[in-house]
Structure formats: C-alpha cells, structure tokens
Amino acid sequence: MSGKNFSPEQLLRLLQNSKSEQENQNLAEDVFNNQLSAEQRRRIEAVLRDKEALNRLLAGEQAQKLLRRFGPKA
C-alpha cells in the first residue's frame, strides 16, 4: 500500500470494508506511518492531543459531511 495517496473518502471506505477492528487498526497505522510525511504526522498528533482543535475539526462542514456519509447507520 505504501506510495499510494488515498482521499479521506477512500480511507473511510477501506476502513468500513475491512473485516475486523484489528484490520482497521492495521490499515490506519500503515497509512499513518508509511504514507504521511513527518510534518503531516506531527500536525495530526497535535490536533489529536488538543481537545478544542479536535472538536473544531469534527464540527467543520467537511467532517460532518464525511461523518454522515460514512458513519454508523442508525
């Protein structure tokens, strides 16, 4: 998988279609470790550590659209 660039939508589809929670974790770790630059990883880690920044990110229009599209079906 290394060397490919996936859109957020493609990554979410991959996670949804994987067979297990372990596969989801392995895929997410592979993308994080092998497909993102050090700067991208640093920025993601900073947002994940900052509760306010994470809440702002998740409240954004794009994030809400993706969550509605790929989130759990009620």
PDB file of N, CA and C in Angstrom:
ATOM      1  N   MET A   1       0.815  -1.183   0.000  1.00  0.00           N
ATOM      2  CA  MET A   1       0.000   0.000   0.000  1.00  0.00           C
ATOM      3  C   MET A   1       0.861   1.250   0.000  1.00  0.00           C
ATOM      4  N   SER A   2       2.097   1.139   0.415  1.00  0.00           N
ATOM      5  CA  SER A   2       2.987   2.283   0.505  1.00  0.00           C
ATOM      6  C   SER A   2       3.126   2.960  -0.850  1.00  0.00           C
ATOM      7  N   GLY A   3       3.161   4.300  -0.828  1.00  0.00           N
ATOM      8  CA  GLY A   3       3.328   5.031  -2.053  1.00  0.00           C
ATOM      9  C   GLY A   3       2.028   5.483  -2.687  1.00  0.00           C
ATOM     10  N   LYS A   4       0.900   4.997  -2.244  1.00  0.00           N
ATOM     11  CA  LYS A   4      -0.390   5.411  -2.786  1.00  0.00           C
ATOM     12  C   LYS A   4      -0.926   6.561  -1.962  1.00  0.00           C
ATOM     13  N   ASN A   5      -1.658   7.429  -2.625  1.00  0.00           N
ATOM     14  CA  ASN A   5      -2.323   8.513  -1.922  1.00  0.00           C
ATOM     15  C   ASN A   5      -3.815   8.269  -1.956  1.00  0.00           C
ATOM     16  N   PHE A   6      -4.439   8.225  -0.800  1.00  0.00           N
ATOM     17  CA  PHE A   6      -5.864   7.991  -0.694  1.00  0.00           C
ATOM     18  C   PHE A   6      -6.560   9.263  -0.243  1.00  0.00           C
ATOM     19  N   SER A   7      -7.735   9.500  -0.777  1.00  0.00           N
ATOM     20  CA  SER A   7      -8.547  10.610  -0.294  1.00  0.00           C
ATOM     21  C   SER A   7      -9.159  10.188   1.038  1.00  0.00           C
ATOM     22  N   PRO A   8      -9.635  11.157   1.830  1.00  0.00           N
ATOM     23  CA  PRO A   8     -10.306  10.784   3.086  1.00  0.00           C
ATOM     24  C   PRO A   8     -11.471   9.831   2.858  1.00  0.00           C
ATOM     25  N   GLU A   9     -12.213  10.061   1.786  1.00  0.00           N
ATOM     26  CA  GLU A   9     -13.355   9.189   1.489  1.00  0.00           C
ATOM     27  C   GLU A   9     -12.902   7.758   1.193  1.00  0.00           C
ATOM     28  N   GLN A  10     -11.814   7.619   0.441  1.00  0.00           N
ATOM     29  CA  GLN A  10     -11.303   6.284   0.130  1.00  0.00           C
ATOM     30  C   GLN A  10     -10.821   5.575   1.389  1.00  0.00           C
ATOM     31  N   LEU A  11     -10.157   6.299   2.263  1.00  0.00           N
ATOM     32  CA  LEU A  11      -9.693   5.692   3.513  1.00  0.00           C
ATOM     33  C   LEU A  11     -10.868   5.222   4.358  1.00  0.00           C
ATOM     34  N   LEU A  12     -11.894   6.041   4.453  1.00  0.00           N
ATOM     35  CA  LEU A  12     -13.058   5.635   5.240  1.00  0.00           C
ATOM     36  C   LEU A  12     -13.730   4.407   4.625  1.00  0.00           C
ATOM     37  N   ARG A  13     -13.802   4.362   3.291  1.00  0.00           N
ATOM     38  CA  ARG A  13     -14.378   3.181   2.634  1.00  0.00           C
ATOM     39  C   ARG A  13     -13.553   1.935   2.936  1.00  0.00           C
ATOM     40  N   LEU A  14     -12.238   2.064   2.872  1.00  0.00           N
ATOM     41  CA  LEU A  14     -11.370   0.930   3.196  1.00  0.00           C
ATOM     42  C   LEU A  14     -11.614   0.457   4.625  1.00  0.00           C
ATOM     43  N   LEU A  15     -11.702   1.401   5.555  1.00  0.00           N
ATOM     44  CA  LEU A  15     -11.938   1.038   6.949  1.00  0.00           C
ATOM     45  C   LEU A  15     -13.297   0.371   7.116  1.00  0.00           C
ATOM     46  N   GLN A  16     -14.310   0.888   6.426  1.00  0.00           N
ATOM     47  CA  GLN A  16     -15.641   0.301   6.536  1.00  0.00           C
ATOM     48  C   GLN A  16     -15.689  -1.109   5.974  1.00  0.00           C
ATOM     49  N   ASN A  17     -14.939  -1.355   4.907  1.00  0.00           N
ATOM     50  CA  ASN A  17     -14.991  -2.649   4.235  1.00  0.00           C
ATOM     51  C   ASN A  17     -14.054  -3.690   4.830  1.00  0.00           C
ATOM     52  N   SER A  18     -13.202  -3.297   5.751  1.00  0.00           N
ATOM     53  CA  SER A  18     -12.301  -4.283   6.338  1.00  0.00           C
ATOM     54  C   SER A  18     -13.100  -5.209   7.253  1.00  0.00           C
ATOM     55  N   LYS A  19     -12.540  -6.358   7.481  1.00  0.00           N
ATOM     56  CA  LYS A  19     -13.294  -7.405   8.155  1.00  0.00           C
ATOM     57  C   LYS A  19     -13.305  -7.297   9.671  1.00  0.00           C
ATOM     58  N   SER A  20     -12.344  -6.632  10.253  1.00  0.00           N
ATOM     59  CA  SER A  20     -12.275  -6.626  11.703  1.00  0.00           C
ATOM     60  C   SER A  20     -11.710  -5.313  12.228  1.00  0.00           C
ATOM     61  N   GLU A  21     -11.899  -5.113  13.508  1.00  0.00           N
ATOM     62  CA  GLU A  21     -11.339  -3.942  14.170  1.00  0.00           C
ATOM     63  C   GLU A  21      -9.810  -3.955  14.075  1.00  0.00           C
ATOM     64  N   GLN A  22      -9.216  -5.136  14.158  1.00  0.00           N
ATOM     65  CA  GLN A  22      -7.755  -5.253  14.043  1.00  0.00           C
ATOM     66  C   GLN A  22      -7.293  -4.831  12.660  1.00  0.00           C
ATOM     67  N   GLU A  23      -8.033  -5.220  11.621  1.00  0.00           N
ATOM     68  CA  GLU A  23      -7.689  -4.789  10.268  1.00  0.00           C
ATOM     69  C   GLU A  23      -7.785  -3.271  10.143  1.00  0.00           C
ATOM     70  N   ASN A  24      -8.809  -2.684  10.743  1.00  0.00           N
ATOM     71  CA  ASN A  24      -8.954  -1.232  10.732  1.00  0.00           C
ATOM     72  C   ASN A  24      -7.746  -0.574  11.373  1.00  0.00           C
ATOM     73  N   GLN A  25      -7.338  -1.082  12.512  1.00  0.00           N
ATOM     74  CA  GLN A  25      -6.190  -0.513  13.222  1.00  0.00           C
ATOM     75  C   GLN A  25      -4.917  -0.669  12.396  1.00  0.00           C
ATOM     76  N   ASN A  26      -4.720  -1.853  11.811  1.00  0.00           N
ATOM     77  CA  ASN A  26      -3.532  -2.089  10.992  1.00  0.00           C
ATOM     78  C   ASN A  26      -3.496  -1.154   9.784  1.00  0.00           C
ATOM     79  N   LEU A  27      -4.645  -0.963   9.129  1.00  0.00           N
ATOM     80  CA  LEU A  27      -4.716  -0.087   7.976  1.00  0.00           C
ATOM     81  C   LEU A  27      -4.433   1.361   8.377  1.00  0.00           C
ATOM     82  N   ALA A  28      -5.057   1.807   9.452  1.00  0.00           N
ATOM     83  CA  ALA A  28      -4.841   3.181   9.921  1.00  0.00           C
ATOM     84  C   ALA A  28      -3.376   3.400  10.282  1.00  0.00           C
ATOM     85  N   GLU A  29      -2.765   2.439  10.962  1.00  0.00           N
ATOM     86  CA  GLU A  29      -1.352   2.560  11.328  1.00  0.00           C
ATOM     87  C   GLU A  29      -0.458   2.569  10.093  1.00  0.00           C
ATOM     88  N   ASP A  30      -0.782   1.738   9.102  1.00  0.00           N
ATOM     89  CA  ASP A  30       0.009   1.702   7.868  1.00  0.00           C
ATOM     90  C   ASP A  30      -0.048   3.049   7.160  1.00  0.00           C
ATOM     91  N   VAL A  31      -1.244   3.604   7.030  1.00  0.00           N
ATOM     92  CA  VAL A  31      -1.390   4.903   6.382  1.00  0.00           C
ATOM     93  C   VAL A  31      -0.626   5.955   7.169  1.00  0.00           C
ATOM     94  N   PHE A  32      -0.811   5.967   8.476  1.00  0.00           N
ATOM     95  CA  PHE A  32      -0.177   6.978   9.322  1.00  0.00           C
ATOM     96  C   PHE A  32       1.347   6.883   9.251  1.00  0.00           C
ATOM     97  N   ASN A  33       1.873   5.683   9.350  1.00  0.00           N
ATOM     98  CA  ASN A  33       3.324   5.501   9.408  1.00  0.00           C
ATOM     99  C   ASN A  33       4.017   5.537   8.050  1.00  0.00           C
ATOM    100  N   ASN A  34       3.351   5.095   7.003  1.00  0.00           N
ATOM    101  CA  ASN A  34       4.032   4.908   5.730  1.00  0.00           C
ATOM    102  C   ASN A  34       3.603   5.869   4.627  1.00  0.00           C
ATOM    103  N   GLN A  35       2.486   6.537   4.772  1.00  0.00           N
ATOM    104  CA  GLN A  35       2.002   7.353   3.669  1.00  0.00           C
ATOM    105  C   GLN A  35       1.919   8.836   3.995  1.00  0.00           C
ATOM    106  N   LEU A  36       2.199   9.188   5.224  1.00  0.00           N
ATOM    107  CA  LEU A  36       2.179  10.597   5.604  1.00  0.00           C
ATOM    108  C   LEU A  36       3.603  11.073   5.862  1.00  0.00           C
ATOM    109  N   SER A  37       3.840  12.317   5.543  1.00  0.00           N
ATOM    110  CA  SER A  37       5.157  12.890   5.831  1.00  0.00           C
ATOM    111  C   SER A  37       5.280  13.110   7.337  1.00  0.00           C
ATOM    112  N   ALA A  38       6.499  13.338   7.788  1.00  0.00           N
ATOM    113  CA  ALA A  38       6.721  13.614   9.214  1.00  0.00           C
ATOM    114  C   ALA A  38       5.931  14.845   9.646  1.00  0.00           C
ATOM    115  N   GLU A  39       5.861  15.853   8.790  1.00  0.00           N
ATOM    116  CA  GLU A  39       5.103  17.071   9.103  1.00  0.00           C
ATOM    117  C   GLU A  39       3.605  16.776   9.214  1.00  0.00           C
ATOM    118  N   GLN A  40       3.067  15.958   8.306  1.00  0.00           N
ATOM    119  CA  GLN A  40       1.650  15.597   8.373  1.00  0.00           C
ATOM    120  C   GLN A  40       1.356  14.823   9.659  1.00  0.00           C
ATOM    121  N   ARG A  41       2.233  13.888  10.014  1.00  0.00           N
ATOM    122  CA  ARG A  41       2.032  13.121  11.256  1.00  0.00           C
ATOM    123  C   ARG A  41       2.083  14.035  12.471  1.00  0.00           C
ATOM    124  N   ARG A  42       3.036  14.972  12.482  1.00  0.00           N
ATOM    125  CA  ARG A  42       3.164  15.902  13.598  1.00  0.00           C
ATOM    126  C   ARG A  42       1.899  16.745  13.748  1.00  0.00           C
ATOM    127  N   ARG A  43       1.362  17.228  12.632  1.00  0.00           N
ATOM    128  CA  ARG A  43       0.153  18.062  12.683  1.00  0.00           C
ATOM    129  C   ARG A  43      -1.064  17.261  13.160  1.00  0.00           C
ATOM    130  N   ILE A  44      -1.206  16.034  12.697  1.00  0.00           N
ATOM    131  CA  ILE A  44      -2.322  15.181  13.130  1.00  0.00           C
ATOM    132  C   ILE A  44      -2.211  14.900  14.626  1.00  0.00           C
ATOM    133  N   GLU A  45      -1.017  14.540  15.080  1.00  0.00           N
ATOM    134  CA  GLU A  45      -0.822  14.258  16.502  1.00  0.00           C
ATOM    135  C   GLU A  45      -1.136  15.486  17.353  1.00  0.00           C
ATOM    136  N   ALA A  46      -0.755  16.671  16.883  1.00  0.00           N
ATOM    137  CA  ALA A  46      -1.038  17.901  17.634  1.00  0.00           C
ATOM    138  C   ALA A  46      -2.533  18.133  17.758  1.00  0.00           C
ATOM    139  N   VAL A  47      -3.280  17.914  16.686  1.00  0.00           N
ATOM    140  CA  VAL A  47      -4.740  18.098  16.735  1.00  0.00           C
ATOM    141  C   VAL A  47      -5.379  17.061  17.653  1.00  0.00           C
ATOM    142  N   LEU A  48      -4.906  15.816  17.576  1.00  0.00           N
ATOM    143  CA  LEU A  48      -5.489  14.771  18.411  1.00  0.00           C
ATOM    144  C   LEU A  48      -5.234  15.001  19.898  1.00  0.00           C
ATOM    145  N   ARG A  49      -4.132  15.681  20.232  1.00  0.00           N
ATOM    146  CA  ARG A  49      -3.828  15.975  21.634  1.00  0.00           C
ATOM    147  C   ARG A  49      -4.587  17.206  22.140  1.00  0.00           C
ATOM    148  N   ASP A  50      -5.058  18.043  21.227  1.00  0.00           N
ATOM    149  CA  ASP A  50      -5.723  19.297  21.588  1.00  0.00           C
ATOM    150  C   ASP A  50      -7.236  19.125  21.437  1.00  0.00           C
ATOM    151  N   LYS A  51      -7.929  18.950  22.560  1.00  0.00           N
ATOM    152  CA  LYS A  51      -9.360  18.654  22.530  1.00  0.00           C
ATOM    153  C   LYS A  51     -10.154  19.737  21.795  1.00  0.00           C
ATOM    154  N   GLU A  52      -9.823  21.000  22.018  1.00  0.00           N
ATOM    155  CA  GLU A  52     -10.539  22.083  21.342  1.00  0.00           C
ATOM    156  C   GLU A  52     -10.314  22.038  19.834  1.00  0.00           C
ATOM    157  N   ALA A  53      -9.083  21.807  19.418  1.00  0.00           N
ATOM    158  CA  ALA A  53      -8.785  21.727  17.987  1.00  0.00           C
ATOM    159  C   ALA A  53      -9.494  20.538  17.353  1.00  0.00           C
ATOM    160  N   LEU A  54      -9.531  19.419  18.044  1.00  0.00           N
ATOM    161  CA  LEU A  54     -10.213  18.236  17.541  1.00  0.00           C
ATOM    162  C   LEU A  54     -11.710  18.490  17.409  1.00  0.00           C
ATOM    163  N   ASN A  55     -12.296  19.134  18.411  1.00  0.00           N
ATOM    164  CA  ASN A  55     -13.726  19.461  18.344  1.00  0.00           C
ATOM    165  C   ASN A  55     -14.025  20.410  17.190  1.00  0.00           C
ATOM    166  N   ARG A  56     -13.149  21.405  16.959  1.00  0.00           N
ATOM    167  CA  ARG A  56     -13.344  22.324  15.829  1.00  0.00           C
ATOM    168  C   ARG A  56     -13.254  21.569  14.509  1.00  0.00           C
ATOM    169  N   LEU A  57     -12.297  20.665  14.424  1.00  0.00           N
ATOM    170  CA  LEU A  57     -12.138  19.872  13.202  1.00  0.00           C
ATOM    171  C   LEU A  57     -13.386  19.035  12.934  1.00  0.00           C
ATOM    172  N   LEU A  58     -13.862  18.342  13.960  1.00  0.00           N
ATOM    173  CA  LEU A  58     -15.024  17.467  13.797  1.00  0.00           C
ATOM    174  C   LEU A  58     -16.316  18.237  13.561  1.00  0.00           C
ATOM    175  N   ALA A  59     -16.366  19.479  13.997  1.00  0.00           N
ATOM    176  CA  ALA A  59     -17.560  20.300  13.805  1.00  0.00           C
ATOM    177  C   ALA A  59     -17.594  20.950  12.421  1.00  0.00           C
ATOM    178  N   GLY A  60     -16.499  20.883  11.692  1.00  0.00           N
ATOM    179  CA  GLY A  60     -16.422  21.506  10.370  1.00  0.00           C
ATOM    180  C   GLY A  60     -17.363  20.852   9.379  1.00  0.00           C
ATOM    181  N   GLU A  61     -17.707  21.625   8.366  1.00  0.00           N
ATOM    182  CA  GLU A  61     -18.667  21.166   7.356  1.00  0.00           C
ATOM    183  C   GLU A  61     -18.198  19.893   6.647  1.00  0.00           C
ATOM    184  N   GLN A  62     -16.912  19.856   6.256  1.00  0.00           N
ATOM    185  CA  GLN A  62     -16.388  18.679   5.560  1.00  0.00           C
ATOM    186  C   GLN A  62     -16.419  17.444   6.452  1.00  0.00           C
ATOM    187  N   ALA A  63     -16.009  17.593   7.707  1.00  0.00           N
ATOM    188  CA  ALA A  63     -16.004  16.458   8.638  1.00  0.00           C
ATOM    189  C   ALA A  63     -17.423  15.962   8.875  1.00  0.00           C
ATOM    190  N   GLN A  64     -18.361  16.873   9.047  1.00  0.00           N
ATOM    191  CA  GLN A  64     -19.743  16.470   9.272  1.00  0.00           C
ATOM    192  C   GLN A  64     -20.309  15.728   8.068  1.00  0.00           C
ATOM    193  N   LYS A  65     -19.963  16.194   6.876  1.00  0.00           N
ATOM    194  CA  LYS A  65     -20.416  15.517   5.663  1.00  0.00           C
ATOM    195  C   LYS A  65     -19.874  14.089   5.609  1.00  0.00           C
ATOM    196  N   LEU A  66     -18.571  13.929   5.910  1.00  0.00           N
ATOM    197  CA  LEU A  66     -17.977  12.587   5.910  1.00  0.00           C
ATOM    198  C   LEU A  66     -18.565  11.708   7.004  1.00  0.00           C
ATOM    199  N   LEU A  67     -18.798  12.283   8.173  1.00  0.00           N
ATOM    200  CA  LEU A  67     -19.376  11.501   9.268  1.00  0.00           C
ATOM    201  C   LEU A  67     -20.782  11.028   8.917  1.00  0.00           C
ATOM    202  N   ARG A  68     -21.558  11.901   8.291  1.00  0.00           N
ATOM    203  CA  ARG A  68     -22.917  11.489   7.876  1.00  0.00           C
ATOM    204  C   ARG A  68     -22.847  10.421   6.794  1.00  0.00           C
ATOM    205  N   ARG A  69     -21.905  10.588   5.882  1.00  0.00           N
ATOM    206  CA  ARG A  69     -21.799   9.659   4.756  1.00  0.00           C
ATOM    207  C   ARG A  69     -21.270   8.288   5.155  1.00  0.00           C
ATOM    208  N   PHE A  70     -20.269   8.275   6.038  1.00  0.00           N
ATOM    209  CA  PHE A  70     -19.604   7.023   6.362  1.00  0.00           C
ATOM    210  C   PHE A  70     -19.812   6.555   7.791  1.00  0.00           C
ATOM    211  N   GLY A  71     -20.501   7.353   8.570  1.00  0.00           N
ATOM    212  CA  GLY A  71     -20.706   6.997   9.975  1.00  0.00           C
ATOM    213  C   GLY A  71     -21.661   5.836  10.130  1.00  0.00           C
ATOM    214  N   PRO A  72     -21.843   5.420  11.378  1.00  0.00           N
ATOM    215  CA  PRO A  72     -22.748   4.302  11.645  1.00  0.00           C
ATOM    216  C   PRO A  72     -24.160   4.614  11.155  1.00  0.00           C
ATOM    217  N   LYS A  73     -24.769   3.640  10.596  1.00  0.00           N
ATOM    218  CA  LYS A  73     -26.144   3.784  10.106  1.00  0.00           C
ATOM    219  C   LYS A  73     -27.099   3.547  11.271  1.00  0.00           C
ATOM    220  N   ALA A  74     -27.980   4.524  11.492  1.00  0.00           N
ATOM    221  CA  ALA A  74     -28.935   4.409  12.621  1.00  0.00           C
ATOM    222  C   ALA A  74     -30.138   3.612  12.212  1.00  0.00           C
TER     223      ALA A  74
END
